C-alpha atoms as a PDB file:
ATOM      1  CA  MET A   1     -44.669-106.941  73.138  1.00  0.00           C
ATOM      2  CA  SER A   2     -47.319-107.857  70.659  1.00  0.00           C
ATOM      3  CA  THR A   3     -50.169-109.989  71.984  1.00  0.00           C
ATOM      4  CA  ASP A   4     -50.932-111.533  68.598  1.00  0.00           C
ATOM      5  CA  LYS A   5     -48.914-114.663  69.347  1.00  0.00           C
ATOM      6  CA  PRO A   6     -48.237-114.834  73.103  1.00  0.00           C
ATOM      7  CA  SER A   7     -45.883-117.491  74.357  1.00  0.00           C
ATOM      8  CA  GLU A   8     -47.774-119.944  76.541  1.00  0.00           C
ATOM      9  CA  LYS A   9     -45.761-121.279  79.467  1.00  0.00           C
ATOM     10  CA  ALA A  10     -46.475-123.931  82.044  1.00  0.00           C
ATOM     11  CA  SER A  11     -45.857-123.492  85.757  1.00  0.00           C
ATOM     12  CA  GLY A  12     -42.353-124.896  85.377  1.00  0.00           C
ATOM     13  CA  GLY A  13     -41.402-122.292  82.784  1.00  0.00           C
ATOM     14  CA  THR A  14     -41.571-124.781  79.890  1.00  0.00           C
ATOM     15  CA  ARG A  15     -43.593-123.883  76.811  1.00  0.00           C
ATOM     16  CA  THR A  16     -46.636-126.066  76.359  1.00  0.00           C
ATOM     17  CA  LYS A  17     -47.090-124.744  72.842  1.00  0.00           C
ATOM     18  CA  PRO A  18     -44.520-125.996  70.307  1.00  0.00           C
ATOM     19  CA  SER A  19     -42.569-123.377  68.442  1.00  0.00           C
ATOM     20  CA  VAL A  20     -43.546-122.508  64.893  1.00  0.00           C
ATOM     21  CA  GLU A  21     -40.868-122.845  62.222  1.00  0.00           C
ATOM     22  CA  VAL A  22     -40.558-119.793  59.990  1.00  0.00           C
ATOM     23  CA  ALA A  23     -38.243-119.368  56.999  1.00  0.00           C
ATOM     24  CA  VAL A  24     -37.352-115.813  58.024  1.00  0.00           C
ATOM     25  CA  ASP A  25     -36.202-113.262  55.490  1.00  0.00           C
ATOM     26  CA  TRP A  26     -33.496-111.903  57.786  1.00  0.00           C
ATOM     27  CA  GLU A  27     -32.626-108.850  55.728  1.00  0.00           C
ATOM     28  CA  ALA A  28     -36.245-107.713  55.499  1.00  0.00           C
ATOM     29  CA  LEU A  29     -36.789-108.404  59.196  1.00  0.00           C
ATOM     30  CA  GLU A  30     -33.655-106.435  60.061  1.00  0.00           C
ATOM     31  CA  ASP A  31     -34.945-103.434  58.117  1.00  0.00           C
ATOM     32  CA  ALA A  32     -38.272-103.728  59.953  1.00  0.00           C
ATOM     33  CA  PHE A  33     -36.574-103.735  63.352  1.00  0.00           C
ATOM     34  CA  GLU A  34     -34.448-100.730  62.423  1.00  0.00           C
ATOM     35  CA  ASN A  35     -37.249 -98.614  60.946  1.00  0.00           C
ATOM     36  CA  ASN A  36     -39.100 -97.081  63.887  1.00  0.00           C
ATOM     37  CA  ALA A  37     -40.859 -94.303  61.974  1.00  0.00           C
ATOM     38  CA  PRO A  38     -44.314 -93.929  63.569  1.00  0.00           C
ATOM     39  CA  GLU A  39     -46.117 -94.141  60.231  1.00  0.00           C
ATOM     40  CA  VAL A  40     -44.440 -97.431  59.238  1.00  0.00           C
ATOM     41  CA  HIS A  41     -45.805-100.770  60.491  1.00  0.00           C
ATOM     42  CA  SER A  42     -44.201-104.124  59.670  1.00  0.00           C
ATOM     43  CA  TYR A  43     -45.623-107.640  59.943  1.00  0.00           C
ATOM     44  CA  LEU A  44     -43.932-111.025  59.662  1.00  0.00           C
ATOM     45  CA  HIS A  45     -45.833-113.619  57.655  1.00  0.00           C
ATOM     46  CA  LEU A  46     -45.475-116.962  59.419  1.00  0.00           C
ATOM     47  CA  SER A  47     -45.964-119.120  56.330  1.00  0.00           C
ATOM     48  CA  THR A  48     -43.586-117.383  53.941  1.00  0.00           C
ATOM     49  CA  GLY A  49     -41.185-115.588  56.287  1.00  0.00           C
ATOM     50  CA  GLU A  50     -41.660-112.408  54.280  1.00  0.00           C
ATOM     51  CA  VAL A  51     -42.123-109.024  55.934  1.00  0.00           C
ATOM     52  CA  LEU A  52     -45.089-106.877  54.971  1.00  0.00           C
ATOM     53  CA  ARG A  53     -44.625-103.129  55.415  1.00  0.00           C
ATOM     54  CA  VAL A  54     -47.673-100.880  55.763  1.00  0.00           C
ATOM     55  CA  VAL A  55     -47.247 -97.095  55.563  1.00  0.00           C
ATOM     56  CA  ASP A  56     -49.928 -94.791  56.940  1.00  0.00           C
ATOM     57  CA  GLY A  57     -51.356 -92.486  54.308  1.00  0.00           C
ATOM     58  CA  ILE A  58     -50.370 -94.838  51.485  1.00  0.00           C
ATOM     59  CA  ALA A  59     -51.899 -98.208  52.356  1.00  0.00           C
ATOM     60  CA  ASP A  60     -55.605 -98.937  52.665  1.00  0.00           C
ATOM     61  CA  PRO A  61     -56.773 -97.637  56.075  1.00  0.00           C
ATOM     62  CA  GLN A  62     -58.549-100.948  56.694  1.00  0.00           C
ATOM     63  CA  MET A  63     -55.407-102.980  56.072  1.00  0.00           C
ATOM     64  CA  HIS A  64     -54.247-102.771  59.708  1.00  0.00           C
ATOM     65  CA  SER A  65     -57.452-104.311  61.027  1.00  0.00           C
ATOM     66  CA  ARG A  66     -57.430-107.035  58.369  1.00  0.00           C
ATOM     67  CA  ILE A  67     -53.843-107.991  59.146  1.00  0.00           C
ATOM     68  CA  ALA A  68     -54.419-107.877  62.909  1.00  0.00           C
ATOM     69  CA  ALA A  69     -57.273-110.341  62.487  1.00  0.00           C
ATOM     70  CA  ASP A  70     -55.110-112.680  60.411  1.00  0.00           C
ATOM     71  CA  ALA A  71     -53.331-115.252  62.585  1.00  0.00           C
ATOM     72  CA  ALA A  72     -50.710-115.726  59.848  1.00  0.00           C
ATOM     73  CA  TYR A  73     -49.147-112.328  60.663  1.00  0.00           C
ATOM     74  CA  VAL A  74     -47.205-111.134  63.701  1.00  0.00           C
ATOM     75  CA  ARG A  75     -46.512-107.448  64.151  1.00  0.00           C
ATOM     76  CA  VAL A  76     -42.847-106.484  64.367  1.00  0.00           C
ATOM     77  CA  GLU A  77     -41.870-104.127  67.166  1.00  0.00           C
ATOM     78  CA  PRO A  78     -38.855-102.077  66.007  1.00  0.00           C
ATOM     79  CA  VAL A  79     -35.949-101.093  68.203  1.00  0.00           C
ATOM     80  CA  SER A  80     -36.517 -97.729  69.864  1.00  0.00           C
ATOM     81  CA  SER A  81     -34.626 -94.638  68.782  1.00  0.00           C
ATOM     82  CA  ARG A  82     -33.148 -94.324  72.259  1.00  0.00           C
ATOM     83  CA  GLU A  83     -31.663 -97.813  72.055  1.00  0.00           C
ATOM     84  CA  GLN A  84     -30.283 -97.205  68.564  1.00  0.00           C
ATOM     85  CA  TYR A  85     -28.747 -93.975  69.867  1.00  0.00           C
ATOM     86  CA  ARG A  86     -26.940 -96.017  72.523  1.00  0.00           C
ATOM     87  CA  TRP A  87     -25.538 -98.182  69.734  1.00  0.00           C
ATOM     88  CA  MET A  88     -23.948 -95.119  68.141  1.00  0.00           C
ATOM     89  CA  GLU A  89     -22.414 -94.169  71.494  1.00  0.00           C
ATOM     90  CA  ARG A  90     -20.989 -97.665  71.973  1.00  0.00           C
ATOM     91  CA  PHE A  91     -19.609 -97.755  68.446  1.00  0.00           C
ATOM     92  CA  ILE A  92     -17.818 -94.430  68.935  1.00  0.00           C
ATOM     93  CA  GLN A  93     -16.270 -95.728  72.157  1.00  0.00           C
ATOM     94  CA  MET A  94     -14.883 -98.708  70.208  1.00  0.00           C
ATOM     95  CA  LEU A  95     -12.901 -96.428  67.871  1.00  0.00           C
ATOM     96  CA  ASP A  96      -9.314 -95.469  68.533  1.00  0.00           C
ATOM     97  CA  PRO A  97      -8.732 -91.799  69.424  1.00  0.00           C
ATOM     98  CA  SER A  98      -8.797 -89.958  66.107  1.00  0.00           C
ATOM     99  CA  ASP A  99     -10.347 -87.062  64.220  1.00  0.00           C
ATOM    100  CA  LEU A 100     -13.127 -89.397  63.069  1.00  0.00           C
ATOM    101  CA  ARG A 101     -14.001 -90.299  66.644  1.00  0.00           C
ATOM    102  CA  ASP A 102     -14.157 -86.616  67.574  1.00  0.00           C
ATOM    103  CA  GLU A 103     -16.332 -85.821  64.533  1.00  0.00           C
ATOM    104  CA  LEU A 104     -18.764 -88.619  65.377  1.00  0.00           C
ATOM    105  CA  THR A 105     -18.952 -87.504  68.990  1.00  0.00           C
ATOM    106  CA  LEU A 106     -19.940 -84.028  67.866  1.00  0.00           C
ATOM    107  CA  ALA A 107     -22.322 -85.425  65.227  1.00  0.00           C
ATOM    108  CA  ILE A 108     -24.566 -87.215  67.727  1.00  0.00           C
ATOM    109  CA  ASP A 109     -24.903 -84.182  69.985  1.00  0.00           C
ATOM    110  CA  GLY A 110     -28.350 -82.645  69.669  1.00  0.00           C
ATOM    111  CA  ARG A 111     -31.153 -82.898  67.147  1.00  0.00           C
ATOM    112  CA  GLY A 112     -30.517 -84.679  63.847  1.00  0.00           C
ATOM    113  CA  ALA A 113     -27.945 -86.996  65.414  1.00  0.00           C
ATOM    114  CA  PHE A 114     -28.737 -90.027  63.239  1.00  0.00           C
ATOM    115  CA  ARG A 115     -28.436 -88.094  59.984  1.00  0.00           C
ATOM    116  CA  ARG A 116     -25.186 -86.357  60.971  1.00  0.00           C
ATOM    117  CA  PHE A 117     -23.696 -89.631  62.195  1.00  0.00           C
ATOM    118  CA  LYS A 118     -24.430 -91.225  58.836  1.00  0.00           C
ATOM    119  CA  ASP A 119     -23.076 -88.228  56.901  1.00  0.00           C
ATOM    120  CA  VAL A 120     -19.740 -88.410  58.728  1.00  0.00           C
ATOM    121  CA  LEU A 121     -19.397 -92.135  58.001  1.00  0.00           C
ATOM    122  CA  MET A 122     -20.281 -91.631  54.325  1.00  0.00           C
ATOM    123  CA  VAL A 123     -16.751 -90.360  53.624  1.00  0.00           C
ATOM    124  CA  ASN A 124     -15.072 -93.142  55.581  1.00  0.00           C
ATOM    125  CA  ALA A 125     -15.870 -96.441  53.884  1.00  0.00           C
ATOM    126  CA  PRO A 126     -13.967 -98.843  56.221  1.00  0.00           C
ATOM    127  CA  GLU A 127     -15.591 -97.490  59.386  1.00  0.00           C
ATOM    128  CA  ARG A 128     -18.964 -97.258  57.643  1.00  0.00           C
ATOM    129  CA  GLU A 129     -18.844-100.976  56.876  1.00  0.00           C
ATOM    130  CA  ARG A 130     -17.699-101.645  60.423  1.00  0.00           C
ATOM    131  CA  TRP A 131     -20.697 -99.701  61.708  1.00  0.00           C
ATOM    132  CA  PHE A 132     -23.084-101.666  59.496  1.00  0.00           C
ATOM    133  CA  ALA A 133     -21.660-104.930  60.859  1.00  0.00           C
ATOM    134  CA  PHE A 134     -21.910-103.703  64.453  1.00  0.00           C
ATOM    135  CA  ARG A 135     -25.498-102.545  63.987  1.00  0.00           C
ATOM    136  CA  SER A 136     -26.473-105.809  62.281  1.00  0.00           C
ATOM    137  CA  GLU A 137     -25.122-107.757  65.261  1.00  0.00           C
ATOM    138  CA  ARG A 138     -27.168-105.694  67.688  1.00  0.00           C
ATOM    139  CA  LEU A 139     -30.295-106.032  65.554  1.00  0.00           C
ATOM    140  CA  ARG A 140     -29.775-109.793  65.339  1.00  0.00           C
ATOM    141  CA  VAL A 141     -29.799-110.046  69.149  1.00  0.00           C
ATOM    142  CA  PHE A 142     -33.108-108.172  69.304  1.00  0.00           C
ATOM    143  CA  MET A 143     -34.622-110.218  66.473  1.00  0.00           C
ATOM    144  CA  GLU A 144     -33.702-113.563  68.005  1.00  0.00           C
ATOM    145  CA  ALA A 145     -35.108-112.503  71.387  1.00  0.00           C
ATOM    146  CA  TRP A 146     -38.316-111.356  69.696  1.00  0.00           C
ATOM    147  CA  LEU A 147     -38.678-114.641  67.796  1.00  0.00           C
ATOM    148  CA  GLU A 148     -38.179-116.627  70.977  1.00  0.00           C
ATOM    149  CA  ALA A 149     -40.739-114.533  72.848  1.00  0.00           C
ATOM    150  CA  HIS A 150     -43.301-115.340  70.142  1.00  0.00           C
ATOM    151  CA  ALA A 151     -42.435-119.069  70.083  1.00  0.00           C
ATOM    152  CA  LEU A 152     -41.022-118.777  66.563  1.00  0.00           C
ATOM    153  CA  GLU A 153     -38.042-120.788  65.328  1.00  0.00           C
ATOM    154  CA  ALA A 154     -36.106-119.462  62.337  1.00  0.00           C
ATOM    155  CA  VAL A 155     -35.237-122.071  59.725  1.00  0.00           C
ATOM    156  CA  PRO A 156     -33.262-121.723  56.470  1.00  0.00           C
ATOM    157  CA  ARG A 157     -35.175-120.315  53.552  1.00  0.00           C
ATOM    158  CA  PRO A 158     -35.709-122.647  50.586  1.00  0.00           C
ATOM    159  CA  ALA A 159     -33.351-122.192  47.680  1.00  0.00           C
ATOM    160  CA  PRO A 160     -34.920-120.283  44.766  1.00  0.00           C
ATOM    161  CA  ALA A 161     -35.989-122.385  41.817  1.00  0.00           C
ATOM    162  CA  PRO A 162     -33.533-122.237  38.886  1.00  0.00           C
ATOM    163  CA  ALA A 163     -34.572-119.893  36.133  1.00  0.00           C
ATOM    164  CA  PRO A 164     -35.765-121.620  32.931  1.00  0.00           C
ATOM    165  CA  PRO A 165     -33.407-121.344  29.961  1.00  0.00           C
ATOM    166  CA  GLU A 166     -34.090-118.318  27.842  1.00  0.00           C
ATOM    167  CA  ALA A 167     -35.536-119.058  24.456  1.00  0.00           C
ATOM    168  CA  ALA A 168     -33.524-117.907  21.477  1.00  0.00           C
ATOM    169  CA  LEU A 169     -34.976-114.694  20.184  1.00  0.00           C
ATOM    170  CA  SER A 170     -34.453-113.204  16.764  1.00  0.00           C
ATOM    171  CA  GLU A 171     -32.870-109.786  16.825  1.00  0.00           C
ATOM    172  CA  PRO A 172     -35.481-107.157  15.925  1.00  0.00           C
ATOM    173  CA  ALA A 173     -34.893-104.744  13.104  1.00  0.00           C
ATOM    174  CA  PRO A 174     -33.315-101.457  14.236  1.00  0.00           C
ATOM    175  CA  ALA A 175     -35.782 -98.626  14.768  1.00  0.00           C
ATOM    176  CA  PRO A 176     -35.402 -95.287  12.950  1.00  0.00           C
ATOM    177  CA  ALA A 177     -33.178 -92.760  14.705  1.00  0.00           C
ATOM    178  CA  ASP A 178     -36.017 -90.360  15.548  1.00  0.00           C
ATOM    179  CA  GLN A 179     -38.164 -93.121  17.036  1.00  0.00           C
ATOM    180  CA  LEU A 180     -35.177 -94.491  18.948  1.00  0.00           C
ATOM    181  CA  GLY A 181     -34.461 -91.092  20.535  1.00  0.00           C
ATOM    182  CA  ALA A 182     -38.082 -90.610  21.585  1.00  0.00           C
ATOM    183  CA  ARG A 183     -38.199 -94.140  22.981  1.00  0.00           C
ATOM    184  CA  ARG A 184     -35.067 -93.575  25.038  1.00  0.00           C
ATOM    185  CA  THR A 185     -36.511 -90.368  26.454  1.00  0.00           C
ATOM    186  CA  ARG A 186     -39.750 -92.113  27.472  1.00  0.00           C
ATOM    187  CA  ASN A 187     -37.827 -95.032  28.974  1.00  0.00           C
ATOM    188  CA  ALA A 188     -35.582 -92.709  30.983  1.00  0.00           C
ATOM    189  CA  GLU A 189     -38.561 -90.830  32.407  1.00  0.00           C
ATOM    190  CA  TRP A 190     -40.336 -94.068  33.281  1.00  0.00           C
ATOM    191  CA  LEU A 191     -37.195 -95.472  34.945  1.00  0.00           C
ATOM    192  CA  ARG A 192     -36.761 -92.325  37.012  1.00  0.00           C
ATOM    193  CA  ARG A 193     -40.330 -92.618  38.268  1.00  0.00           C
ATOM    194  CA  GLN A 194     -39.756 -96.275  39.107  1.00  0.00           C
ATOM    195  CA  LEU A 195     -36.565 -95.392  40.979  1.00  0.00           C
ATOM    196  CA  ARG A 196     -38.329 -92.727  43.024  1.00  0.00           C
ATOM    197  CA  ASP A 197     -41.141 -95.143  43.926  1.00  0.00           C
ATOM    198  CA  ILE A 198     -38.677 -97.840  44.978  1.00  0.00           C
ATOM    199  CA  ALA A 199     -36.518 -95.419  46.972  1.00  0.00           C
ATOM    200  CA  ALA A 200     -39.566 -94.329  48.967  1.00  0.00           C
ATOM    201  CA  THR A 201     -39.900 -97.878  50.349  1.00  0.00           C
ATOM    202  CA  LEU A 202     -36.259 -98.454  51.315  1.00  0.00           C
ATOM    203  CA  GLY A 203     -34.628 -98.187  54.698  1.00  0.00           C
ATOM    204  CA  ALA A 204     -31.500 -96.239  55.566  1.00  0.00           C
ATOM    205  CA  ARG A 205     -29.051 -99.032  54.792  1.00  0.00           C
ATOM    206  CA  ASP A 206     -30.526 -99.789  51.379  1.00  0.00           C
ATOM    207  CA  LEU A 207     -30.712 -96.086  50.519  1.00  0.00           C
ATOM    208  CA  ASP A 208     -27.034 -95.759  51.357  1.00  0.00           C
ATOM    209  CA  ARG A 209     -26.201 -98.670  49.053  1.00  0.00           C
ATOM    210  CA  LEU A 210     -28.363 -97.209  46.298  1.00  0.00           C
ATOM    211  CA  LEU A 211     -26.672 -93.816  46.582  1.00  0.00           C
ATOM    212  CA  THR A 212     -23.203 -95.359  46.561  1.00  0.00           C
ATOM    213  CA  PHE A 213     -23.976 -97.383  43.441  1.00  0.00           C
ATOM    214  CA  ALA A 214     -25.504 -94.362  41.691  1.00  0.00           C
ATOM    215  CA  GLU A 215     -22.379 -92.327  42.386  1.00  0.00           C
ATOM    216  CA  PHE A 216     -20.272 -95.171  41.003  1.00  0.00           C
ATOM    217  CA  VAL A 217     -22.323 -95.318  37.784  1.00  0.00           C
ATOM    218  CA  LYS A 218     -22.093 -91.550  37.388  1.00  0.00           C
ATOM    219  CA  ALA A 219     -18.311 -91.570  37.870  1.00  0.00           C
ATOM    220  CA  ARG A 220     -17.903 -94.425  35.401  1.00  0.00           C
ATOM    221  CA  ARG A 221     -19.920 -92.548  32.791  1.00  0.00           C
ATOM    222  CA  VAL A 222     -17.803 -89.422  33.187  1.00  0.00           C
ATOM    223  CA  ALA A 223     -14.617 -91.498  32.914  1.00  0.00           C
ATOM    224  CA  ARG A 224     -15.911 -93.240  29.793  1.00  0.00           C
ATOM    225  CA  ASN A 225     -16.753 -89.934  28.155  1.00  0.00           C
ATOM    226  CA  TYR A 226     -13.293 -88.593  29.014  1.00  0.00           C
ATOM    227  CA  SER A 227     -11.663 -91.718  27.579  1.00  0.00           C
ATOM    228  CA  GLN A 228     -13.649 -91.470  24.344  1.00  0.00           C
ATOM    229  CA  ARG A 229     -12.531 -87.905  23.748  1.00  0.00           C
ATOM    230  CA  HIS A 230      -8.893 -88.779  24.254  1.00  0.00           C
ATOM    231  CA  ASP A 231      -9.127 -91.903  22.099  1.00  0.00           C
ATOM    232  CA  THR A 232      -9.991 -89.649  19.171  1.00  0.00           C
ATOM    233  CA  GLY A 233      -6.717 -87.800  19.640  1.00  0.00           C
ATOM    234  CA  GLY A 234      -8.239 -84.765  21.371  1.00  0.00           C
ATOM    235  CA  GLY A 235      -9.849 -83.509  18.180  1.00  0.00           C
ATOM    236  CA  ASP A 236     -11.377 -80.126  17.538  1.00  0.00           C
ATOM    237  CA  GLU A 237     -14.362 -78.672  19.296  1.00  0.00           C
ATOM    238  CA  GLY A 238     -16.800 -80.298  16.913  1.00  0.00           C
ATOM    239  CA  GLU A 239     -15.398 -83.745  17.654  1.00  0.00           C
ATOM    240  CA  ASN A 240     -15.658 -83.138  21.370  1.00  0.00           C
ATOM    241  CA  GLU A 241     -19.272 -82.175  20.954  1.00  0.00           C
ATOM    242  CA  GLU A 242     -19.908 -85.351  19.031  1.00  0.00           C
ATOM    243  CA  HIS A 243     -18.758 -87.486  21.945  1.00  0.00           C
ATOM    244  CA  SER A 244     -20.302 -85.398  24.692  1.00  0.00           C
ATOM    245  CA  VAL A 245     -22.962 -86.946  26.881  1.00  0.00           C
ATOM    246  CA  GLU A 246     -25.969 -84.988  27.959  1.00  0.00           C
ATOM    247  CA  PRO A 247     -26.281 -84.913  31.755  1.00  0.00           C
ATOM    248  CA  GLU A 248     -29.192 -86.821  33.176  1.00  0.00           C
ATOM    249  CA  ALA A 249     -31.787 -85.131  35.325  1.00  0.00           C
ATOM    250  CA  PRO A 250     -31.175 -85.769  39.024  1.00  0.00           C
ATOM    251  CA  VAL A 251     -33.248 -88.445  40.696  1.00  0.00           C
ATOM    252  CA  SER A 252     -34.885 -87.279  43.859  1.00  0.00           C
ATOM    253  CA  VAL A 253     -34.667 -89.858  46.631  1.00  0.00           C
ATOM    254  CA  ALA A 254     -37.159 -89.992  49.449  1.00  0.00           C
ATOM    255  CA  PRO A 255     -35.730 -88.595  52.677  1.00  0.00           C
ATOM    256  CA  ASP A 256     -34.545 -91.081  55.266  1.00  0.00           C
ATOM    257  CA  GLU A 257     -37.408 -91.409  57.717  1.00  0.00           C
ATOM    258  CA  ASP A 258     -36.143 -94.535  59.444  1.00  0.00           C
ATOM    259  CA  HIS A 259     -35.557 -92.572  62.600  1.00  0.00           C
ATOM    260  CA  ALA A 260     -38.470 -90.197  62.421  1.00  0.00           C
ATOM    261  CA  GLY A 261     -39.303 -89.049  65.865  1.00  0.00           C
ATOM    262  CA  ALA A 262     -35.854 -89.970  67.124  1.00  0.00           C
ATOM    263  CA  GLN A 263     -35.090 -86.379  67.933  1.00  0.00           C
ATOM    264  CA  LYS A 264     -37.713 -86.392  70.648  1.00  0.00           C
ATOM    265  CA  THR A 265     -36.101 -89.295  72.449  1.00  0.00           C
ATOM    266  CA  LEU A 266     -32.417 -88.425  72.182  1.00  0.00           C
ATOM    267  CA  PRO A 267     -30.689 -87.942  75.503  1.00  0.00           C
ATOM    268  CA  SER A 268     -29.328 -84.524  76.225  1.00  0.00           C
END
């Protein structure tokens, strides 16, 4: 356990130091407890309840020492890969005998167990959601025990302030076609870079959601293009070309490193 905020206890086992109320960002804290990659370090800010994530090789090398000296931060100790492996075993035992249960049993055998387990569940949405719920319950138990050990009491987060009404804006004049095409190209490239940067900071659960949504958008675009061609009565080749949509360049997503080093701790 971290020694930043030790729990002080009297001889009778009662805390002499009152607990500190923290408006915990549960989703961010859950990601921090799940991500046990050795190069990722997470800290809970006691005043805001936000979770700060520091990645070796990206953040300032002096940031660790600065944060450690700041009493407003408590380092988060993620759940070990061995324990998270046990969760997969327990989840498989909860399933009824089926082909999926057999596939998952084979998936967690040997190196790369976490990735194969996730890949099998990717094609089975109901059980995937059931796994997410099961894992969240286990993480919640660990988080609550960790908060108690550090004399921290989770309180509801304040409601976000309502957004101010948008001012009425005059519609700008349409740009020339050549400028519009160049602008769209620049915007697409910039958005792809932004997406890659964001993906590099996400955990496994958020990456799975991002991938699922991207596949949905791609499928909807293909369906829309198909519908447009048929709405024109299935015209000649020239008409089909007019309604064709150029494929977008694939967006590379950072590999899932939430369980980096897990292979070394998996049971045989």
